[in-house]
C-alpha atoms as a PDB file:
ATOM      1  CA  UNK A   1     110.110-130.899 -53.989  1.00  0.00           C
ATOM      2  CA  UNK A   2     112.203-127.929 -52.799  1.00  0.00           C
ATOM      3  CA  UNK A   3     109.366-125.276 -53.361  1.00  0.00           C
ATOM      4  CA  UNK A   4     107.247-127.680 -51.830  1.00  0.00           C
ATOM      5  CA  UNK A   5     109.479-127.803 -49.255  1.00  0.00           C
ATOM      6  CA  UNK A   6     110.401-123.857 -49.081  1.00  0.00           C
ATOM      7  CA  UNK A   7     106.471-123.156 -49.127  1.00  0.00           C
ATOM      8  CA  UNK A   8     106.224-125.371 -46.059  1.00  0.00           C
ATOM      9  CA  UNK A   9     108.773-123.655 -44.177  1.00  0.00           C
ATOM     10  CA  UNK A  10     106.589-120.075 -44.563  1.00  0.00           C
ATOM     11  CA  UNK A  11     104.056-122.456 -43.329  1.00  0.00           C
ATOM     12  CA  UNK A  12     105.345-123.141 -40.389  1.00  0.00           C
ATOM     13  CA  UNK A  13     106.942-120.018 -40.019  1.00  0.00           C
ATOM     14  CA  UNK A  14     103.358-118.539 -40.255  1.00  0.00           C
ATOM     15  CA  UNK A  15     101.649-120.852 -38.070  1.00  0.00           C
ATOM     16  CA  UNK A  16     104.118-120.118 -35.638  1.00  0.00           C
ATOM     17  CA  UNK A  17     103.728-116.792 -35.720  1.00  0.00           C
ATOM     18  CA  UNK A  18      99.848-116.529 -35.409  1.00  0.00           C
ATOM     19  CA  UNK A  19     100.261-119.207 -32.909  1.00  0.00           C
ATOM     20  CA  UNK A  20     102.145-116.070 -30.543  1.00  0.00           C
ATOM     21  CA  UNK A  21      99.885-113.233 -32.329  1.00  0.00           C
ATOM     22  CA  UNK A  22      96.686-115.021 -30.265  1.00  0.00           C
ATOM     23  CA  UNK A  23      98.588-115.599 -27.593  1.00  0.00           C
ATOM     24  CA  UNK A  24     100.042-112.312 -27.150  1.00  0.00           C
ATOM     25  CA  UNK A  25      96.468-111.023 -27.597  1.00  0.00           C
ATOM     26  CA  UNK A  26      94.538-113.154 -25.125  1.00  0.00           C
ATOM     27  CA  UNK A  27      93.906-111.737 -21.794  1.00  0.00           C
ATOM     28  CA  UNK A  28      94.753-113.421 -19.004  1.00  0.00           C
ATOM     29  CA  UNK A  29      93.280-110.840 -15.891  1.00  0.00           C
ATOM     30  CA  UNK A  30      90.464-108.582 -16.555  1.00  0.00           C
ATOM     31  CA  UNK A  31      87.029-108.160 -17.234  1.00  0.00           C
ATOM     32  CA  UNK A  32      87.084-110.421 -20.510  1.00  0.00           C
ATOM     33  CA  UNK A  33      88.236-113.389 -17.770  1.00  0.00           C
ATOM     34  CA  UNK A  34      86.408-112.389 -15.030  1.00  0.00           C
ATOM     35  CA  UNK A  35      83.505-109.946 -15.627  1.00  0.00           C
ATOM     36  CA  UNK A  36      81.823-110.964 -11.887  1.00  0.00           C
ATOM     37  CA  UNK A  37      84.629-109.759  -9.918  1.00  0.00           C
ATOM     38  CA  UNK A  38      84.426-105.679 -11.978  1.00  0.00           C
ATOM     39  CA  UNK A  39      82.480-103.583  -9.571  1.00  0.00           C
ATOM     40  CA  UNK A  40      81.530 -99.616 -10.329  1.00  0.00           C
ATOM     41  CA  UNK A  41      80.757 -97.111  -7.038  1.00  0.00           C
ATOM     42  CA  UNK A  42      77.526 -96.714  -8.874  1.00  0.00           C
ATOM     43  CA  UNK A  43      76.151-100.190  -8.441  1.00  0.00           C
ATOM     44  CA  UNK A  44      75.872-101.748  -5.151  1.00  0.00           C
ATOM     45  CA  UNK A  45      77.224-105.015  -5.162  1.00  0.00           C
ATOM     46  CA  UNK A  46      74.741-108.267  -3.821  1.00  0.00           C
ATOM     47  CA  UNK A  47      74.976-109.674  -0.382  1.00  0.00           C
ATOM     48  CA  UNK A  48      75.392-113.293   0.003  1.00  0.00           C
ATOM     49  CA  UNK A  49      71.536-113.826   0.649  1.00  0.00           C
ATOM     50  CA  UNK A  50      70.171-111.707  -2.269  1.00  0.00           C
ATOM     51  CA  UNK A  51      68.140-113.002  -5.362  1.00  0.00           C
ATOM     52  CA  UNK A  52      70.458-110.858  -7.624  1.00  0.00           C
ATOM     53  CA  UNK A  53      74.135-113.103  -6.805  1.00  0.00           C
ATOM     54  CA  UNK A  54      73.831-114.120 -10.625  1.00  0.00           C
ATOM     55  CA  UNK A  55      76.590-115.453 -12.370  1.00  0.00           C
ATOM     56  CA  UNK A  56      77.136-113.893 -16.338  1.00  0.00           C
ATOM     57  CA  UNK A  57      77.420-116.081 -19.149  1.00  0.00           C
ATOM     58  CA  UNK A  58      80.723-117.201 -20.099  1.00  0.00           C
ATOM     59  CA  UNK A  59      83.029-115.301 -22.483  1.00  0.00           C
ATOM     60  CA  UNK A  60      82.557-117.499 -25.520  1.00  0.00           C
ATOM     61  CA  UNK A  61      84.432-115.321 -27.417  1.00  0.00           C
ATOM     62  CA  UNK A  62      87.472-115.607 -25.346  1.00  0.00           C
ATOM     63  CA  UNK A  63      86.856-119.580 -25.442  1.00  0.00           C
ATOM     64  CA  UNK A  64      87.096-118.902 -29.540  1.00  0.00           C
ATOM     65  CA  UNK A  65      90.120-117.684 -29.422  1.00  0.00           C
ATOM     66  CA  UNK A  66      91.842-120.235 -27.023  1.00  0.00           C
ATOM     67  CA  UNK A  67      90.347-122.920 -29.842  1.00  0.00           C
ATOM     68  CA  UNK A  68      92.346-120.877 -32.418  1.00  0.00           C
ATOM     69  CA  UNK A  69      95.579-120.945 -30.495  1.00  0.00           C
ATOM     70  CA  UNK A  70      95.052-124.337 -30.169  1.00  0.00           C
ATOM     71  CA  UNK A  71      94.491-124.938 -34.370  1.00  0.00           C
ATOM     72  CA  UNK A  72      97.616-122.668 -34.772  1.00  0.00           C
ATOM     73  CA  UNK A  73      99.982-124.812 -32.396  1.00  0.00           C
ATOM     74  CA  UNK A  74      98.803-127.896 -34.145  1.00  0.00           C
ATOM     75  CA  UNK A  75      99.016-126.557 -37.420  1.00  0.00           C
ATOM     76  CA  UNK A  76     102.511-125.678 -36.469  1.00  0.00           C
ATOM     77  CA  UNK A  77     103.553-129.231 -35.684  1.00  0.00           C
ATOM     78  CA  UNK A  78     101.922-131.207 -38.605  1.00  0.00           C
ATOM     79  CA  UNK A  79     104.226-128.684 -40.686  1.00  0.00           C
ATOM     80  CA  UNK A  80     107.044-129.535 -38.644  1.00  0.00           C
ATOM     81  CA  UNK A  81     106.722-133.151 -38.444  1.00  0.00           C
ATOM     82  CA  UNK A  82     106.305-132.651 -42.540  1.00  0.00           C
ATOM     83  CA  UNK A  83     109.664-130.798 -43.181  1.00  0.00           C
ATOM     84  CA  UNK A  84     111.398-133.264 -40.579  1.00  0.00           C
ATOM     85  CA  UNK A  85     109.873-136.945 -42.512  1.00  0.00           C
ATOM     86  CA  UNK A  86     112.349-138.088 -45.296  1.00  0.00           C
ATOM     87  CA  UNK A  87     110.617-137.681 -48.748  1.00  0.00           C
ATOM     88  CA  UNK A  88     112.726-138.958 -51.185  1.00  0.00           C
ATOM     89  CA  UNK A  89     112.389-142.126 -52.580  1.00  0.00           C
ATOM     90  CA  UNK A  90     110.372-142.000 -49.724  1.00  0.00           C
ATOM     91  CA  UNK A  91     106.353-144.683 -49.627  1.00  0.00           C
ATOM     92  CA  UNK A  92     103.849-143.811 -46.930  1.00  0.00           C
ATOM     93  CA  UNK A  93     101.394-146.337 -46.736  1.00  0.00           C
ATOM     94  CA  UNK A  94      97.687-145.278 -47.124  1.00  0.00           C
ATOM     95  CA  UNK A  95      96.834-145.099 -43.462  1.00  0.00           C
ATOM     96  CA  UNK A  96      99.217-142.263 -42.890  1.00  0.00           C
ATOM     97  CA  UNK A  97      97.696-140.496 -45.682  1.00  0.00           C
ATOM     98  CA  UNK A  98      94.171-141.092 -44.497  1.00  0.00           C
ATOM     99  CA  UNK A  99      94.961-139.894 -40.935  1.00  0.00           C
ATOM    100  CA  UNK A 100      96.463-136.741 -41.853  1.00  0.00           C
ATOM    101  CA  UNK A 101      94.123-135.814 -44.367  1.00  0.00           C
ATOM    102  CA  UNK A 102      91.525-136.385 -41.589  1.00  0.00           C
ATOM    103  CA  UNK A 103      94.157-133.660 -39.302  1.00  0.00           C
ATOM    104  CA  UNK A 104      94.007-131.220 -41.582  1.00  0.00           C
ATOM    105  CA  UNK A 105      90.225-131.975 -42.710  1.00  0.00           C
ATOM    106  CA  UNK A 106      89.096-131.435 -39.189  1.00  0.00           C
ATOM    107  CA  UNK A 107      91.694-128.545 -38.611  1.00  0.00           C
ATOM    108  CA  UNK A 108      89.739-126.624 -41.587  1.00  0.00           C
ATOM    109  CA  UNK A 109      86.354-127.151 -40.328  1.00  0.00           C
ATOM    110  CA  UNK A 110      87.321-126.167 -36.640  1.00  0.00           C
ATOM    111  CA  UNK A 111      88.613-122.428 -38.096  1.00  0.00           C
ATOM    112  CA  UNK A 112      85.821-122.301 -40.090  1.00  0.00           C
ATOM    113  CA  UNK A 113      83.653-122.983 -37.564  1.00  0.00           C
ATOM    114  CA  UNK A 114      85.262-120.222 -35.347  1.00  0.00           C
ATOM    115  CA  UNK A 115      84.779-117.549 -38.029  1.00  0.00           C
ATOM    116  CA  UNK A 116      81.351-118.303 -38.927  1.00  0.00           C
ATOM    117  CA  UNK A 117      80.562-118.505 -34.774  1.00  0.00           C
ATOM    118  CA  UNK A 118      82.413-114.710 -34.700  1.00  0.00           C
ATOM    119  CA  UNK A 119      80.801-113.524 -38.287  1.00  0.00           C
ATOM    120  CA  UNK A 120      77.580-114.479 -36.529  1.00  0.00           C
ATOM    121  CA  UNK A 121      77.829-112.604 -33.287  1.00  0.00           C
ATOM    122  CA  UNK A 122      79.634-109.544 -34.469  1.00  0.00           C
ATOM    123  CA  UNK A 123      77.435-108.876 -37.615  1.00  0.00           C
ATOM    124  CA  UNK A 124      74.549-110.379 -36.647  1.00  0.00           C
ATOM    125  CA  UNK A 125      73.901-110.582 -33.303  1.00  0.00           C
ATOM    126  CA  UNK A 126      75.612-107.157 -32.545  1.00  0.00           C
ATOM    127  CA  UNK A 127      73.535-105.335 -34.931  1.00  0.00           C
ATOM    128  CA  UNK A 128      69.961-106.885 -34.403  1.00  0.00           C
ATOM    129  CA  UNK A 129      67.899-104.225 -32.383  1.00  0.00           C
ATOM    130  CA  UNK A 130      64.740-105.963 -32.928  1.00  0.00           C
ATOM    131  CA  UNK A 131      64.121-107.156 -28.811  1.00  0.00           C
ATOM    132  CA  UNK A 132      64.900-104.930 -26.151  1.00  0.00           C
ATOM    133  CA  UNK A 133      65.222-107.866 -23.812  1.00  0.00           C
ATOM    134  CA  UNK A 134      67.831-109.769 -26.283  1.00  0.00           C
ATOM    135  CA  UNK A 135      69.503-106.560 -27.836  1.00  0.00           C
ATOM    136  CA  UNK A 136      72.787-104.508 -26.739  1.00  0.00           C
ATOM    137  CA  UNK A 137      71.896-101.181 -25.400  1.00  0.00           C
ATOM    138  CA  UNK A 138      74.473 -99.611 -27.405  1.00  0.00           C
ATOM    139  CA  UNK A 139      72.952-101.509 -30.994  1.00  0.00           C
ATOM    140  CA  UNK A 140      69.410 -99.869 -29.944  1.00  0.00           C
ATOM    141  CA  UNK A 141      70.166 -96.924 -29.431  1.00  0.00           C
ATOM    142  CA  UNK A 142      72.487 -96.360 -32.456  1.00  0.00           C
ATOM    143  CA  UNK A 143      69.371 -97.508 -34.672  1.00  0.00           C
ATOM    144  CA  UNK A 144      66.890 -96.869 -32.754  1.00  0.00           C
ATOM    145  CA  UNK A 145      68.246 -93.376 -32.411  1.00  0.00           C
ATOM    146  CA  UNK A 146      71.607 -91.642 -33.699  1.00  0.00           C
ATOM    147  CA  UNK A 147      75.429 -93.010 -34.025  1.00  0.00           C
ATOM    148  CA  UNK A 148      77.417 -92.940 -30.645  1.00  0.00           C
ATOM    149  CA  UNK A 149      80.457 -90.770 -31.464  1.00  0.00           C
ATOM    150  CA  UNK A 150      81.283 -90.453 -27.922  1.00  0.00           C
ATOM    151  CA  UNK A 151      81.510 -92.060 -24.385  1.00  0.00           C
ATOM    152  CA  UNK A 152      79.548 -89.635 -22.917  1.00  0.00           C
ATOM    153  CA  UNK A 153      76.591 -90.387 -25.370  1.00  0.00           C
ATOM    154  CA  UNK A 154      77.088 -94.284 -23.720  1.00  0.00           C
ATOM    155  CA  UNK A 155      75.512 -93.195 -20.329  1.00  0.00           C
ATOM    156  CA  UNK A 156      72.148 -93.571 -21.656  1.00  0.00           C
ATOM    157  CA  UNK A 157      68.843 -95.183 -20.232  1.00  0.00           C
ATOM    158  CA  UNK A 158      68.502 -98.356 -22.039  1.00  0.00           C
ATOM    159  CA  UNK A 159      64.312 -98.053 -21.903  1.00  0.00           C
ATOM    160  CA  UNK A 160      63.838 -95.156 -23.410  1.00  0.00           C
ATOM    161  CA  UNK A 161      67.388 -94.612 -24.825  1.00  0.00           C
ATOM    162  CA  UNK A 162      67.455 -90.853 -22.744  1.00  0.00           C
ATOM    163  CA  UNK A 163      71.451 -89.773 -22.528  1.00  0.00           C
ATOM    164  CA  UNK A 164      72.203 -88.342 -19.381  1.00  0.00           C
ATOM    165  CA  UNK A 165      72.991 -85.205 -18.608  1.00  0.00           C
ATOM    166  CA  UNK A 166      71.504 -84.036 -22.054  1.00  0.00           C
ATOM    167  CA  UNK A 167      67.807 -84.467 -21.959  1.00  0.00           C
ATOM    168  CA  UNK A 168      66.850 -85.907 -18.575  1.00  0.00           C
ATOM    169  CA  UNK A 169      67.626 -82.530 -16.434  1.00  0.00           C
ATOM    170  CA  UNK A 170      65.547 -80.454 -18.258  1.00  0.00           C
ATOM    171  CA  UNK A 171      62.894 -80.371 -14.989  1.00  0.00           C
ATOM    172  CA  UNK A 172      64.682 -81.513 -12.327  1.00  0.00           C
ATOM    173  CA  UNK A 173      64.437 -78.307 -10.094  1.00  0.00           C
ATOM    174  CA  UNK A 174      60.594 -79.276  -9.989  1.00  0.00           C
ATOM    175  CA  UNK A 175      61.204 -82.711  -8.783  1.00  0.00           C
ATOM    176  CA  UNK A 176      61.433 -84.493  -5.555  1.00  0.00           C
ATOM    177  CA  UNK A 177      65.142 -85.483  -4.198  1.00  0.00           C
ATOM    178  CA  UNK A 178      63.683 -89.223  -3.750  1.00  0.00           C
ATOM    179  CA  UNK A 179      61.969 -89.509  -7.211  1.00  0.00           C
ATOM    180  CA  UNK A 180      64.962 -87.328  -9.056  1.00  0.00           C
ATOM    181  CA  UNK A 181      67.475 -90.061  -7.423  1.00  0.00           C
ATOM    182  CA  UNK A 182      65.394 -93.053  -8.717  1.00  0.00           C
ATOM    183  CA  UNK A 183      65.168 -91.303 -11.960  1.00  0.00           C
ATOM    184  CA  UNK A 184      68.784 -91.068 -12.165  1.00  0.00           C
ATOM    185  CA  UNK A 185      69.085 -94.868 -11.483  1.00  0.00           C
ATOM    186  CA  UNK A 186      67.654 -95.629 -14.276  1.00  0.00           C
ATOM    187  CA  UNK A 187      70.539 -94.254 -16.649  1.00  0.00           C
ATOM    188  CA  UNK A 188      73.541 -96.804 -17.157  1.00  0.00           C
ATOM    189  CA  UNK A 189      77.600 -96.134 -17.951  1.00  0.00           C
ATOM    190  CA  UNK A 190      77.768 -98.774 -20.876  1.00  0.00           C
ATOM    191  CA  UNK A 191      81.004 -97.935 -21.395  1.00  0.00           C
ATOM    192  CA  UNK A 192      81.970 -99.303 -17.692  1.00  0.00           C
ATOM    193  CA  UNK A 193      82.171-102.978 -17.782  1.00  0.00           C
ATOM    194  CA  UNK A 194      80.827-104.006 -14.310  1.00  0.00           C
ATOM    195  CA  UNK A 195      77.685-103.065 -16.197  1.00  0.00           C
ATOM    196  CA  UNK A 196      77.231-105.913 -18.018  1.00  0.00           C
ATOM    197  CA  UNK A 197      77.247-108.212 -15.475  1.00  0.00           C
ATOM    198  CA  UNK A 198      74.439-110.721 -14.400  1.00  0.00           C
ATOM    199  CA  UNK A 199      74.066-109.342 -10.829  1.00  0.00           C
ATOM    200  CA  UNK A 200      74.214-105.623 -12.119  1.00  0.00           C
ATOM    201  CA  UNK A 201      72.165-105.866 -14.855  1.00  0.00           C
ATOM    202  CA  UNK A 202      69.407-107.888 -11.790  1.00  0.00           C
ATOM    203  CA  UNK A 203      70.037-105.331  -9.966  1.00  0.00           C
ATOM    204  CA  UNK A 204      69.129-102.272 -11.906  1.00  0.00           C
ATOM    205  CA  UNK A 205      66.416-104.019 -12.905  1.00  0.00           C
ATOM    206  CA  UNK A 206      67.041-104.711 -16.549  1.00  0.00           C
ATOM    207  CA  UNK A 207      65.175-106.227 -18.962  1.00  0.00           C
ATOM    208  CA  UNK A 208      67.643-108.933 -19.814  1.00  0.00           C
ATOM    209  CA  UNK A 209      69.860-109.911 -17.150  1.00  0.00           C
ATOM    210  CA  UNK A 210      72.152-111.985 -19.963  1.00  0.00           C
ATOM    211  CA  UNK A 211      73.663-108.609 -22.038  1.00  0.00           C
ATOM    212  CA  UNK A 212      77.708-109.889 -20.976  1.00  0.00           C
ATOM    213  CA  UNK A 213      78.332-111.398 -24.496  1.00  0.00           C
ATOM    214  CA  UNK A 214      77.899-107.283 -25.747  1.00  0.00           C
ATOM    215  CA  UNK A 215      80.879-106.944 -23.910  1.00  0.00           C
ATOM    216  CA  UNK A 216      82.518-109.690 -24.843  1.00  0.00           C
ATOM    217  CA  UNK A 217      82.443-109.143 -28.559  1.00  0.00           C
ATOM    218  CA  UNK A 218      82.603-105.054 -28.075  1.00  0.00           C
ATOM    219  CA  UNK A 219      79.595-104.939 -30.021  1.00  0.00           C
ATOM    220  CA  UNK A 220      79.794-101.142 -30.072  1.00  0.00           C
ATOM    221  CA  UNK A 221      83.375 -99.454 -31.198  1.00  0.00           C
ATOM    222  CA  UNK A 222      82.652 -96.398 -28.803  1.00  0.00           C
ATOM    223  CA  UNK A 223      81.076 -97.781 -25.773  1.00  0.00           C
ATOM    224  CA  UNK A 224      83.108-101.074 -25.835  1.00  0.00           C
ATOM    225  CA  UNK A 225      86.100 -99.621 -27.396  1.00  0.00           C
ATOM    226  CA  UNK A 226      88.866-102.450 -25.935  1.00  0.00           C
ATOM    227  CA  UNK A 227      86.985-105.532 -26.675  1.00  0.00           C
ATOM    228  CA  UNK A 228      86.063-104.136 -30.243  1.00  0.00           C
ATOM    229  CA  UNK A 229      89.745-103.954 -30.916  1.00  0.00           C
ATOM    230  CA  UNK A 230      90.394-107.085 -29.529  1.00  0.00           C
ATOM    231  CA  UNK A 231      87.713-109.071 -31.430  1.00  0.00           C
ATOM    232  CA  UNK A 232      88.884-107.123 -34.513  1.00  0.00           C
ATOM    233  CA  UNK A 233      92.208-109.200 -33.904  1.00  0.00           C
ATOM    234  CA  UNK A 234      90.969-112.327 -33.710  1.00  0.00           C
ATOM    235  CA  UNK A 235      88.549-112.069 -36.313  1.00  0.00           C
ATOM    236  CA  UNK A 236      91.726-110.900 -38.750  1.00  0.00           C
ATOM    237  CA  UNK A 237      93.651-113.925 -37.456  1.00  0.00           C
ATOM    238  CA  UNK A 238      91.230-117.007 -37.486  1.00  0.00           C
ATOM    239  CA  UNK A 239      90.694-115.079 -41.080  1.00  0.00           C
ATOM    240  CA  UNK A 240      94.582-115.708 -41.853  1.00  0.00           C
ATOM    241  CA  UNK A 241      94.737-119.408 -39.891  1.00  0.00           C
ATOM    242  CA  UNK A 242      92.454-120.264 -42.180  1.00  0.00           C
ATOM    243  CA  UNK A 243      94.079-119.196 -45.181  1.00  0.00           C
ATOM    244  CA  UNK A 244      97.003-120.999 -43.828  1.00  0.00           C
ATOM    245  CA  UNK A 245      95.238-123.985 -43.174  1.00  0.00           C
ATOM    246  CA  UNK A 246      94.276-124.517 -46.318  1.00  0.00           C
ATOM    247  CA  UNK A 247      96.981-123.419 -48.363  1.00  0.00           C
ATOM    248  CA  UNK A 248      98.941-125.585 -46.138  1.00  0.00           C
ATOM    249  CA  UNK A 249      96.473-128.684 -47.607  1.00  0.00           C
ATOM    250  CA  UNK A 250      96.729-127.912 -51.017  1.00  0.00           C
ATOM    251  CA  UNK A 251     100.526-128.040 -51.081  1.00  0.00           C
ATOM    252  CA  UNK A 252     101.312-130.626 -48.377  1.00  0.00           C
ATOM    253  CA  UNK A 253      98.710-133.173 -49.948  1.00  0.00           C
ATOM    254  CA  UNK A 254      99.652-132.319 -53.521  1.00  0.00           C
ATOM    255  CA  UNK A 255     103.147-133.208 -52.895  1.00  0.00           C
ATOM    256  CA  UNK A 256     102.426-136.283 -50.562  1.00  0.00           C
ATOM    257  CA  UNK A 257     100.591-137.716 -53.367  1.00  0.00           C
ATOM    258  CA  UNK A 258     102.853-136.894 -56.261  1.00  0.00           C
ATOM    259  CA  UNK A 259     105.362-138.569 -54.371  1.00  0.00           C
ATOM    260  CA  UNK A 260     103.636-141.407 -53.457  1.00  0.00           C
ATOM    261  CA  UNK A 261     102.934-141.797 -57.064  1.00  0.00           C
ATOM    262  CA  UNK A 262     106.516-140.944 -59.169  1.00  0.00           C
ATOM    263  CA  UNK A 263     107.803-144.454 -55.953  1.00  0.00           C
ATOM    264  CA  UNK A 264     105.148-146.513 -57.520  1.00  0.00           C
ATOM    265  CA  UNK A 265     106.801-145.245 -60.715  1.00  0.00           C
ATOM    266  CA  UNK A 266     110.209-146.136 -59.960  1.00  0.00           C
ATOM    267  CA  UNK A 267     108.797-149.838 -58.713  1.00  0.00           C
END
């Protein structure tokens, strides 16, 4: 019994630390919260009567982080209630055991679903260069050209995968000014969040206006360094949270049923 209580104190402390860690890593302002508010001097902002006044897709990565934060809070509350409840000679009704079992099972499924969703996007969608309309520009560049090792390589044409000022200026002196301007307009800074907004993609006439998720999930460690590191932290925290929920389930309910069985024998 003492060993179980000590373990629950450890789980309570772990869940509280995870909750604080999630709260500290979640951004409350900036492009992760409002990508459409980002601007860049290279991208003209659409007027109210233009067709490119589009709204970018919601940040599902941030939404998953909020779900995990809530799960860590619920787990901490569960451990606290268990520690405060009487245990010596206590008899819990079967309804309470079933309700607690259902709660911890739902919590396991929620955290597991969050982790699976991150794996599906981070390790599958972010590495899929099958279609130009649905894949991240940096992913297509890495898989069809070469690895991106410097942020200057993030300045390229998403269609031809030509790097700006590296392969496009060989015959620039022979081109007319208007032709050169239109040609240079095809290049985008894929390390700048504003380029991933639906309005900017529409103005640039990119193949897809649904590339915000590439920035949200940090699909490239060089071009999206900040969001890549943030999603890596969330992935590690989700893994630890799932392990903590599973361990809490095993220890807590093993003790509950042992105590209930001991109470019956004492009768």
